[in-house]
Amino acid sequence: MSIILSAPDLDYSGMKEIGRVTIQDGRDRIWIQVDGFEFDDLPTCRMKAARVIAWARDLLSAQLEAERVAPGGDVGCCIGLDQEALEEEMKGKAED
């Protein structure tokens, strides 16, 4: 079964809650599991999964581009933290 998606289908601006994307290598296929994400008014689970995968694609693309610009630069990514929590997280990583 195929789904043809247009650009508006992949717009994740209505994301209310960030969840988890798990990618696993199974014996016969790659499994992508999406859970914990919340969006404004999505009609189907497939649309929800498509928007989450688009979000993950953009996030990974940004990380890869940062690695290309600064190879070996220990690129990190944080989402859902305010500035104070981000600074605490970064301080903890520097102490490790």
PDB file of N, CA and C in Angstrom:
ATOM      1  N   MET A   1       0.845  -1.177   0.000  1.00  0.00           N
ATOM      2  CA  MET A   1       0.000   0.000   0.000  1.00  0.00           C
ATOM      3  C   MET A   1       0.887   1.236   0.000  1.00  0.00           C
ATOM      4  N   SER A   2       0.534   2.216  -0.794  1.00  0.00           N
ATOM      5  CA  SER A   2       1.298   3.454  -0.896  1.00  0.00           C
ATOM      6  C   SER A   2       0.437   4.635  -0.465  1.00  0.00           C
ATOM      7  N   ILE A   3       1.112   5.624   0.055  1.00  0.00           N
ATOM      8  CA  ILE A   3       0.454   6.879   0.404  1.00  0.00           C
ATOM      9  C   ILE A   3       1.208   7.979  -0.326  1.00  0.00           C
ATOM     10  N   ILE A   4       0.508   8.842  -1.026  1.00  0.00           N
ATOM     11  CA  ILE A   4       1.148   9.982  -1.674  1.00  0.00           C
ATOM     12  C   ILE A   4       0.858  11.201  -0.821  1.00  0.00           C
ATOM     13  N   LEU A   5       1.929  11.839  -0.376  1.00  0.00           N
ATOM     14  CA  LEU A   5       1.798  12.982   0.521  1.00  0.00           C
ATOM     15  C   LEU A   5       2.208  14.263  -0.197  1.00  0.00           C
ATOM     16  N   SER A   6       1.493  15.324   0.088  1.00  0.00           N
ATOM     17  CA  SER A   6       1.850  16.633  -0.448  1.00  0.00           C
ATOM     18  C   SER A   6       2.547  17.430   0.648  1.00  0.00           C
ATOM     19  N   ALA A   7       3.105  18.563   0.296  1.00  0.00           N
ATOM     20  CA  ALA A   7       3.830  19.386   1.263  1.00  0.00           C
ATOM     21  C   ALA A   7       3.002  19.720   2.512  1.00  0.00           C
ATOM     22  N   PRO A   8       1.726  20.104   2.378  1.00  0.00           N
ATOM     23  CA  PRO A   8       0.947  20.401   3.587  1.00  0.00           C
ATOM     24  C   PRO A   8       0.783  19.192   4.514  1.00  0.00           C
ATOM     25  N   ASP A   9       0.815  17.991   3.935  1.00  0.00           N
ATOM     26  CA  ASP A   9       0.699  16.782   4.755  1.00  0.00           C
ATOM     27  C   ASP A   9       1.874  16.630   5.709  1.00  0.00           C
ATOM     28  N   LEU A  10       3.009  17.204   5.334  1.00  0.00           N
ATOM     29  CA  LEU A  10       4.229  17.047   6.129  1.00  0.00           C
ATOM     30  C   LEU A  10       4.526  18.260   7.004  1.00  0.00           C
ATOM     31  N   ASP A  11       3.576  19.193   7.065  1.00  0.00           N
ATOM     32  CA  ASP A  11       3.736  20.375   7.906  1.00  0.00           C
ATOM     33  C   ASP A  11       3.455  19.992   9.356  1.00  0.00           C
ATOM     34  N   TYR A  12       4.457  20.070  10.189  1.00  0.00           N
ATOM     35  CA  TYR A  12       4.295  19.665  11.583  1.00  0.00           C
ATOM     36  C   TYR A  12       4.178  20.859  12.530  1.00  0.00           C
ATOM     37  N   SER A  13       3.747  21.995  12.005  1.00  0.00           N
ATOM     38  CA  SER A  13       3.630  23.197  12.842  1.00  0.00           C
ATOM     39  C   SER A  13       2.559  23.046  13.922  1.00  0.00           C
ATOM     40  N   GLY A  14       1.610  22.124  13.757  1.00  0.00           N
ATOM     41  CA  GLY A  14       0.573  21.918  14.766  1.00  0.00           C
ATOM     42  C   GLY A  14       0.984  20.967  15.877  1.00  0.00           C
ATOM     43  N   MET A  15       2.286  20.676  15.985  1.00  0.00           N
ATOM     44  CA  MET A  15       2.755  19.758  17.019  1.00  0.00           C
ATOM     45  C   MET A  15       2.610  20.402  18.395  1.00  0.00           C
ATOM     46  N   LYS A  16       1.911  19.710  19.294  1.00  0.00           N
ATOM     47  CA  LYS A  16       1.697  20.212  20.648  1.00  0.00           C
ATOM     48  C   LYS A  16       2.604  19.527  21.663  1.00  0.00           C
ATOM     49  N   GLU A  17       2.985  18.290  21.376  1.00  0.00           N
ATOM     50  CA  GLU A  17       3.793  17.517  22.315  1.00  0.00           C
ATOM     51  C   GLU A  17       4.795  16.677  21.533  1.00  0.00           C
ATOM     52  N   ILE A  18       6.049  16.688  21.973  1.00  0.00           N
ATOM     53  CA  ILE A  18       7.095  15.902  21.331  1.00  0.00           C
ATOM     54  C   ILE A  18       7.176  14.550  22.022  1.00  0.00           C
ATOM     55  N   GLY A  19       7.223  13.512  21.247  1.00  0.00           N
ATOM     56  CA  GLY A  19       7.285  12.161  21.782  1.00  0.00           C
ATOM     57  C   GLY A  19       8.593  11.483  21.447  1.00  0.00           C
ATOM     58  N   ARG A  20       8.504  10.251  20.962  1.00  0.00           N
ATOM     59  CA  ARG A  20       9.697   9.448  20.696  1.00  0.00           C
ATOM     60  C   ARG A  20       9.568   8.769  19.334  1.00  0.00           C
ATOM     61  N   VAL A  21      10.681   8.733  18.607  1.00  0.00           N
ATOM     62  CA  VAL A  21      10.778   7.990  17.357  1.00  0.00           C
ATOM     63  C   VAL A  21      11.837   6.921  17.575  1.00  0.00           C
ATOM     64  N   THR A  22      11.475   5.668  17.356  1.00  0.00           N
ATOM     65  CA  THR A  22      12.412   4.556  17.509  1.00  0.00           C
ATOM     66  C   THR A  22      12.574   3.882  16.155  1.00  0.00           C
ATOM     67  N   ILE A  23      13.820   3.735  15.723  1.00  0.00           N
ATOM     68  CA  ILE A  23      14.106   3.072  14.453  1.00  0.00           C
ATOM     69  C   ILE A  23      14.891   1.811  14.770  1.00  0.00           C
ATOM     70  N   GLN A  24      14.367   0.676  14.327  1.00  0.00           N
ATOM     71  CA  GLN A  24      15.008  -0.607  14.600  1.00  0.00           C
ATOM     72  C   GLN A  24      15.207  -1.384  13.307  1.00  0.00           C
ATOM     73  N   ASP A  25      16.301  -2.109  13.256  1.00  0.00           N
ATOM     74  CA  ASP A  25      16.596  -2.969  12.125  1.00  0.00           C
ATOM     75  C   ASP A  25      16.059  -4.360  12.441  1.00  0.00           C
ATOM     76  N   GLY A  26      14.964  -4.712  11.811  1.00  0.00           N
ATOM     77  CA  GLY A  26      14.383  -6.037  11.997  1.00  0.00           C
ATOM     78  C   GLY A  26      14.993  -7.019  11.012  1.00  0.00           C
ATOM     79  N   ARG A  27      14.605  -8.270  11.099  1.00  0.00           N
ATOM     80  CA  ARG A  27      15.160  -9.276  10.190  1.00  0.00           C
ATOM     81  C   ARG A  27      14.785  -9.014   8.734  1.00  0.00           C
ATOM     82  N   ASP A  28      13.556  -8.605   8.516  1.00  0.00           N
ATOM     83  CA  ASP A  28      13.091  -8.454   7.148  1.00  0.00           C
ATOM     84  C   ASP A  28      12.781  -7.014   6.734  1.00  0.00           C
ATOM     85  N   ARG A  29      12.866  -6.078   7.662  1.00  0.00           N
ATOM     86  CA  ARG A  29      12.575  -4.681   7.323  1.00  0.00           C
ATOM     87  C   ARG A  29      13.040  -3.748   8.439  1.00  0.00           C
ATOM     88  N   ILE A  30      13.044  -2.473   8.128  1.00  0.00           N
ATOM     89  CA  ILE A  30      13.329  -1.442   9.127  1.00  0.00           C
ATOM     90  C   ILE A  30      11.991  -1.037   9.744  1.00  0.00           C
ATOM     91  N   TRP A  31      11.933  -1.016  11.064  1.00  0.00           N
ATOM     92  CA  TRP A  31      10.712  -0.619  11.780  1.00  0.00           C
ATOM     93  C   TRP A  31      10.900   0.786  12.330  1.00  0.00           C
ATOM     94  N   ILE A  32       9.918   1.634  12.089  1.00  0.00           N
ATOM     95  CA  ILE A  32       9.904   2.985  12.657  1.00  0.00           C
ATOM     96  C   ILE A  32       8.673   3.064  13.543  1.00  0.00           C
ATOM     97  N   GLN A  33       8.914   3.254  14.828  1.00  0.00           N
ATOM     98  CA  GLN A  33       7.813   3.352  15.789  1.00  0.00           C
ATOM     99  C   GLN A  33       7.722   4.790  16.286  1.00  0.00           C
ATOM    100  N   VAL A  34       6.521   5.313  16.281  1.00  0.00           N
ATOM    101  CA  VAL A  34       6.249   6.684  16.688  1.00  0.00           C
ATOM    102  C   VAL A  34       5.272   6.643  17.852  1.00  0.00           C
ATOM    103  N   ASP A  35       5.609   7.301  18.963  1.00  0.00           N
ATOM    104  CA  ASP A  35       4.646   7.378  20.062  1.00  0.00           C
ATOM    105  C   ASP A  35       4.875   8.640  20.883  1.00  0.00           C
ATOM    106  N   GLY A  36       3.820   9.080  21.531  1.00  0.00           N
ATOM    107  CA  GLY A  36       3.889  10.212  22.439  1.00  0.00           C
ATOM    108  C   GLY A  36       3.756  11.585  21.813  1.00  0.00           C
ATOM    109  N   PHE A  37       3.627  11.681  20.499  1.00  0.00           N
ATOM    110  CA  PHE A  37       3.475  12.979  19.838  1.00  0.00           C
ATOM    111  C   PHE A  37       2.007  13.371  19.837  1.00  0.00           C
ATOM    112  N   GLU A  38       1.752  14.649  19.978  1.00  0.00           N
ATOM    113  CA  GLU A  38       0.382  15.171  19.914  1.00  0.00           C
ATOM    114  C   GLU A  38       0.340  16.320  18.916  1.00  0.00           C
ATOM    115  N   PHE A  39      -0.691  16.325  18.093  1.00  0.00           N
ATOM    116  CA  PHE A  39      -0.890  17.361  17.083  1.00  0.00           C
ATOM    117  C   PHE A  39      -2.298  17.921  17.192  1.00  0.00           C
ATOM    118  N   ASP A  40      -2.463  19.144  16.671  1.00  0.00           N
ATOM    119  CA  ASP A  40      -3.795  19.719  16.526  1.00  0.00           C
ATOM    120  C   ASP A  40      -4.497  19.019  15.375  1.00  0.00           C
ATOM    121  N   ASP A  41      -5.637  18.433  15.617  1.00  0.00           N
ATOM    122  CA  ASP A  41      -6.563  17.992  14.583  1.00  0.00           C
ATOM    123  C   ASP A  41      -5.946  17.234  13.409  1.00  0.00           C
ATOM    124  N   LEU A  42      -5.497  16.007  13.644  1.00  0.00           N
ATOM    125  CA  LEU A  42      -5.052  15.141  12.547  1.00  0.00           C
ATOM    126  C   LEU A  42      -6.088  14.042  12.330  1.00  0.00           C
ATOM    127  N   PRO A  43      -6.479  13.812  11.081  1.00  0.00           N
ATOM    128  CA  PRO A  43      -7.564  12.867  10.824  1.00  0.00           C
ATOM    129  C   PRO A  43      -7.193  11.383  10.981  1.00  0.00           C
ATOM    130  N   THR A  44      -5.918  11.023  10.752  1.00  0.00           N
ATOM    131  CA  THR A  44      -5.563   9.596  10.787  1.00  0.00           C
ATOM    132  C   THR A  44      -4.227   9.368  11.483  1.00  0.00           C
ATOM    133  N   CYS A  45      -4.009   8.141  11.917  1.00  0.00           N
ATOM    134  CA  CYS A  45      -2.723   7.763  12.520  1.00  0.00           C
ATOM    135  C   CYS A  45      -1.603   7.852  11.497  1.00  0.00           C
ATOM    136  N   ARG A  46      -1.918   7.545  10.253  1.00  0.00           N
ATOM    137  CA  ARG A  46      -0.891   7.620   9.198  1.00  0.00           C
ATOM    138  C   ARG A  46      -0.413   9.049   9.001  1.00  0.00           C
ATOM    139  N   MET A  47      -1.328   9.999   9.065  1.00  0.00           N
ATOM    140  CA  MET A  47      -0.935  11.401   8.935  1.00  0.00           C
ATOM    141  C   MET A  47      -0.050  11.809  10.111  1.00  0.00           C
ATOM    142  N   LYS A  48      -0.392  11.345  11.286  1.00  0.00           N
ATOM    143  CA  LYS A  48       0.414  11.636  12.467  1.00  0.00           C
ATOM    144  C   LYS A  48       1.822  11.074  12.280  1.00  0.00           C
ATOM    145  N   ALA A  49       1.915   9.816  11.848  1.00  0.00           N
ATOM    146  CA  ALA A  49       3.218   9.184  11.635  1.00  0.00           C
ATOM    147  C   ALA A  49       4.006   9.927  10.555  1.00  0.00           C
ATOM    148  N   ALA A  50       3.345  10.322   9.474  1.00  0.00           N
ATOM    149  CA  ALA A  50       4.025  11.032   8.397  1.00  0.00           C
ATOM    150  C   ALA A  50       4.593  12.354   8.887  1.00  0.00           C
ATOM    151  N   ARG A  51       3.832  13.069   9.686  1.00  0.00           N
ATOM    152  CA  ARG A  51       4.321  14.360  10.196  1.00  0.00           C
ATOM    153  C   ARG A  51       5.460  14.169  11.189  1.00  0.00           C
ATOM    154  N   VAL A  52       5.386  13.146  12.002  1.00  0.00           N
ATOM    155  CA  VAL A  52       6.481  12.879  12.943  1.00  0.00           C
ATOM    156  C   VAL A  52       7.744  12.498  12.180  1.00  0.00           C
ATOM    157  N   ILE A  53       7.610  11.672  11.162  1.00  0.00           N
ATOM    158  CA  ILE A  53       8.776  11.270  10.381  1.00  0.00           C
ATOM    159  C   ILE A  53       9.363  12.473   9.640  1.00  0.00           C
ATOM    160  N   ALA A  54       8.522  13.377   9.153  1.00  0.00           N
ATOM    161  CA  ALA A  54       9.015  14.612   8.521  1.00  0.00           C
ATOM    162  C   ALA A  54       9.773  15.455   9.535  1.00  0.00           C
ATOM    163  N   TRP A  55       9.257  15.544  10.751  1.00  0.00           N
ATOM    164  CA  TRP A  55       9.929  16.298  11.816  1.00  0.00           C
ATOM    165  C   TRP A  55      11.285  15.668  12.128  1.00  0.00           C
ATOM    166  N   ALA A  56      11.312  14.336  12.269  1.00  0.00           N
ATOM    167  CA  ALA A  56      12.560  13.636  12.573  1.00  0.00           C
ATOM    168  C   ALA A  56      13.561  13.807  11.428  1.00  0.00           C
ATOM    169  N   ARG A  57      13.065  13.739  10.188  1.00  0.00           N
ATOM    170  CA  ARG A  57      13.929  13.943   9.023  1.00  0.00           C
ATOM    171  C   ARG A  57      14.586  15.319   9.067  1.00  0.00           C
ATOM    172  N   ASP A  58      13.811  16.341   9.367  1.00  0.00           N
ATOM    173  CA  ASP A  58      14.356  17.698   9.422  1.00  0.00           C
ATOM    174  C   ASP A  58      15.349  17.845  10.566  1.00  0.00           C
ATOM    175  N   LEU A  59      15.056  17.240  11.699  1.00  0.00           N
ATOM    176  CA  LEU A  59      15.961  17.297  12.846  1.00  0.00           C
ATOM    177  C   LEU A  59      17.291  16.623  12.520  1.00  0.00           C
ATOM    178  N   LEU A  60      17.225  15.425  11.944  1.00  0.00           N
ATOM    179  CA  LEU A  60      18.447  14.705  11.584  1.00  0.00           C
ATOM    180  C   LEU A  60      19.213  15.432  10.488  1.00  0.00           C
ATOM    181  N   SER A  61      18.503  16.019   9.548  1.00  0.00           N
ATOM    182  CA  SER A  61      19.140  16.776   8.476  1.00  0.00           C
ATOM    183  C   SER A  61      19.936  17.949   9.047  1.00  0.00           C
ATOM    184  N   ALA A  62      19.359  18.637  10.015  1.00  0.00           N
ATOM    185  CA  ALA A  62      20.061  19.760  10.657  1.00  0.00           C
ATOM    186  C   ALA A  62      21.308  19.269  11.390  1.00  0.00           C
ATOM    187  N   GLN A  63      21.200  18.131  12.078  1.00  0.00           N
ATOM    188  CA  GLN A  63      22.356  17.587  12.778  1.00  0.00           C
ATOM    189  C   GLN A  63      23.453  17.178  11.800  1.00  0.00           C
ATOM    190  N   LEU A  64      23.076  16.546  10.690  1.00  0.00           N
ATOM    191  CA  LEU A  64      24.062  16.139   9.692  1.00  0.00           C
ATOM    192  C   LEU A  64      24.736  17.344   9.054  1.00  0.00           C
ATOM    193  N   GLU A  65      23.977  18.394   8.782  1.00  0.00           N
ATOM    194  CA  GLU A  65      24.553  19.606   8.213  1.00  0.00           C
ATOM    195  C   GLU A  65      25.526  20.256   9.196  1.00  0.00           C
ATOM    196  N   ALA A  66      25.177  20.268  10.476  1.00  0.00           N
ATOM    197  CA  ALA A  66      26.086  20.818  11.484  1.00  0.00           C
ATOM    198  C   ALA A  66      27.376  20.000  11.539  1.00  0.00           C
ATOM    199  N   GLU A  67      27.266  18.690  11.418  1.00  0.00           N
ATOM    200  CA  GLU A  67      28.451  17.825  11.411  1.00  0.00           C
ATOM    201  C   GLU A  67      29.294  18.076  10.165  1.00  0.00           C
ATOM    202  N   ARG A  68      28.638  18.342   9.041  1.00  0.00           N
ATOM    203  CA  ARG A  68      29.374  18.651   7.811  1.00  0.00           C
ATOM    204  C   ARG A  68      30.153  19.947   7.949  1.00  0.00           C
ATOM    205  N   VAL A  69      29.537  20.945   8.578  1.00  0.00           N
ATOM    206  CA  VAL A  69      30.171  22.250   8.758  1.00  0.00           C
ATOM    207  C   VAL A  69      31.295  22.182   9.786  1.00  0.00           C
ATOM    208  N   ALA A  70      31.092  21.404  10.843  1.00  0.00           N
ATOM    209  CA  ALA A  70      32.087  21.281  11.916  1.00  0.00           C
ATOM    210  C   ALA A  70      32.368  19.806  12.176  1.00  0.00           C
ATOM    211  N   PRO A  71      33.127  19.145  11.286  1.00  0.00           N
ATOM    212  CA  PRO A  71      33.382  17.712  11.446  1.00  0.00           C
ATOM    213  C   PRO A  71      34.014  17.387  12.798  1.00  0.00           C
ATOM    214  N   GLY A  72      33.459  16.394  13.458  1.00  0.00           N
ATOM    215  CA  GLY A  72      33.996  16.001  14.758  1.00  0.00           C
ATOM    216  C   GLY A  72      33.747  17.027  15.847  1.00  0.00           C
ATOM    217  N   GLY A  73      32.826  17.962  15.581  1.00  0.00           N
ATOM    218  CA  GLY A  73      32.579  19.061  16.509  1.00  0.00           C
ATOM    219  C   GLY A  73      31.659  18.717  17.664  1.00  0.00           C
ATOM    220  N   ASP A  74      31.402  17.433  17.885  1.00  0.00           N
ATOM    221  CA  ASP A  74      30.533  16.996  18.975  1.00  0.00           C
ATOM    222  C   ASP A  74      29.202  17.741  18.929  1.00  0.00           C
ATOM    223  N   VAL A  75      28.478  17.556  17.842  1.00  0.00           N
ATOM    224  CA  VAL A  75      27.201  18.226  17.616  1.00  0.00           C
ATOM    225  C   VAL A  75      26.139  17.594  18.502  1.00  0.00           C
ATOM    226  N   GLY A  76      25.388  18.413  19.212  1.00  0.00           N
ATOM    227  CA  GLY A  76      24.305  17.930  20.056  1.00  0.00           C
ATOM    228  C   GLY A  76      23.006  18.600  19.681  1.00  0.00           C
ATOM    229  N   CYS A  77      21.930  18.063  20.182  1.00  0.00           N
ATOM    230  CA  CYS A  77      20.615  18.615  19.873  1.00  0.00           C
ATOM    231  C   CYS A  77      19.716  18.457  21.093  1.00  0.00           C
ATOM    232  N   CYS A  78      19.021  19.506  21.452  1.00  0.00           N
ATOM    233  CA  CYS A  78      18.073  19.451  22.566  1.00  0.00           C
ATOM    234  C   CYS A  78      16.766  20.077  22.111  1.00  0.00           C
ATOM    235  N   ILE A  79      15.674  19.482  22.538  1.00  0.00           N
ATOM    236  CA  ILE A  79      14.355  20.000  22.180  1.00  0.00           C
ATOM    237  C   ILE A  79      13.502  20.028  23.441  1.00  0.00           C
ATOM    238  N   GLY A  80      12.719  21.062  23.579  1.00  0.00           N
ATOM    239  CA  GLY A  80      11.767  21.119  24.677  1.00  0.00           C
ATOM    240  C   GLY A  80      12.351  21.620  25.991  1.00  0.00           C
ATOM    241  N   LEU A  81      13.548  22.203  25.944  1.00  0.00           N
ATOM    242  CA  LEU A  81      14.154  22.749  27.159  1.00  0.00           C
ATOM    243  C   LEU A  81      14.161  24.260  27.077  1.00  0.00           C
ATOM    244  N   ASP A  82      13.913  24.912  28.204  1.00  0.00           N
ATOM    245  CA  ASP A  82      14.089  26.351  28.206  1.00  0.00           C
ATOM    246  C   ASP A  82      15.594  26.641  28.350  1.00  0.00           C
ATOM    247  N   GLN A  83      15.976  27.889  28.236  1.00  0.00           N
ATOM    248  CA  GLN A  83      17.397  28.252  28.226  1.00  0.00           C
ATOM    249  C   GLN A  83      18.111  27.815  29.500  1.00  0.00           C
ATOM    250  N   GLU A  84      17.483  27.974  30.642  1.00  0.00           N
ATOM    251  CA  GLU A  84      18.107  27.598  31.914  1.00  0.00           C
ATOM    252  C   GLU A  84      18.367  26.082  31.982  1.00  0.00           C
ATOM    253  N   ALA A  85      17.376  25.297  31.606  1.00  0.00           N
ATOM    254  CA  ALA A  85      17.538  23.844  31.609  1.00  0.00           C
ATOM    255  C   ALA A  85      18.591  23.407  30.586  1.00  0.00           C
ATOM    256  N   LEU A  86      18.637  24.086  29.433  1.00  0.00           N
ATOM    257  CA  LEU A  86      19.641  23.781  28.419  1.00  0.00           C
ATOM    258  C   LEU A  86      21.045  24.043  28.954  1.00  0.00           C
ATOM    259  N   GLU A  87      21.228  25.160  29.634  1.00  0.00           N
ATOM    260  CA  GLU A  87      22.545  25.479  30.198  1.00  0.00           C
ATOM    261  C   GLU A  87      22.959  24.461  31.248  1.00  0.00           C
ATOM    262  N   GLU A  88      22.018  23.996  32.063  1.00  0.00           N
ATOM    263  CA  GLU A  88      22.321  22.961  33.058  1.00  0.00           C
ATOM    264  C   GLU A  88      22.712  21.654  32.370  1.00  0.00           C
ATOM    265  N   GLU A  89      21.992  21.304  31.307  1.00  0.00           N
ATOM    266  CA  GLU A  89      22.285  20.083  30.555  1.00  0.00           C
ATOM    267  C   GLU A  89      23.680  20.172  29.946  1.00  0.00           C
ATOM    268  N   MET A  90      23.999  21.304  29.360  1.00  0.00           N
ATOM    269  CA  MET A  90      25.304  21.479  28.725  1.00  0.00           C
ATOM    270  C   MET A  90      26.418  21.468  29.772  1.00  0.00           C
ATOM    271  N   LYS A  91      26.154  22.046  30.937  1.00  0.00           N
ATOM    272  CA  LYS A  91      27.143  22.051  32.012  1.00  0.00           C
ATOM    273  C   LYS A  91      27.420  20.639  32.479  1.00  0.00           C
ATOM    274  N   GLY A  92      26.379  19.835  32.622  1.00  0.00           N
ATOM    275  CA  GLY A  92      26.539  18.445  33.033  1.00  0.00           C
ATOM    276  C   GLY A  92      27.329  17.635  32.028  1.00  0.00           C
ATOM    277  N   LYS A  93      27.106  17.871  30.731  1.00  0.00           N
ATOM    278  CA  LYS A  93      27.846  17.161  29.686  1.00  0.00           C
ATOM    279  C   LYS A  93      29.322  17.559  29.694  1.00  0.00           C
ATOM    280  N   ALA A  94      29.597  18.837  29.982  1.00  0.00           N
ATOM    281  CA  ALA A  94      30.990  19.304  30.008  1.00  0.00           C
ATOM    282  C   ALA A  94      31.749  18.674  31.169  1.00  0.00           C
ATOM    283  N   GLU A  95      31.055  18.363  32.262  1.00  0.00           N
ATOM    284  CA  GLU A  95      31.715  17.769  33.426  1.00  0.00           C
ATOM    285  C   GLU A  95      31.991  16.292  33.241  1.00  0.00           C
ATOM    286  N   ASP A  96      31.278  15.631  32.313  1.00  0.00           N
ATOM    287  CA  ASP A  96      31.475  14.187  32.078  1.00  0.00           C
ATOM    288  C   ASP A  96      32.817  13.870  31.470  1.00  0.00           C
TER     289      ASP A  96
END
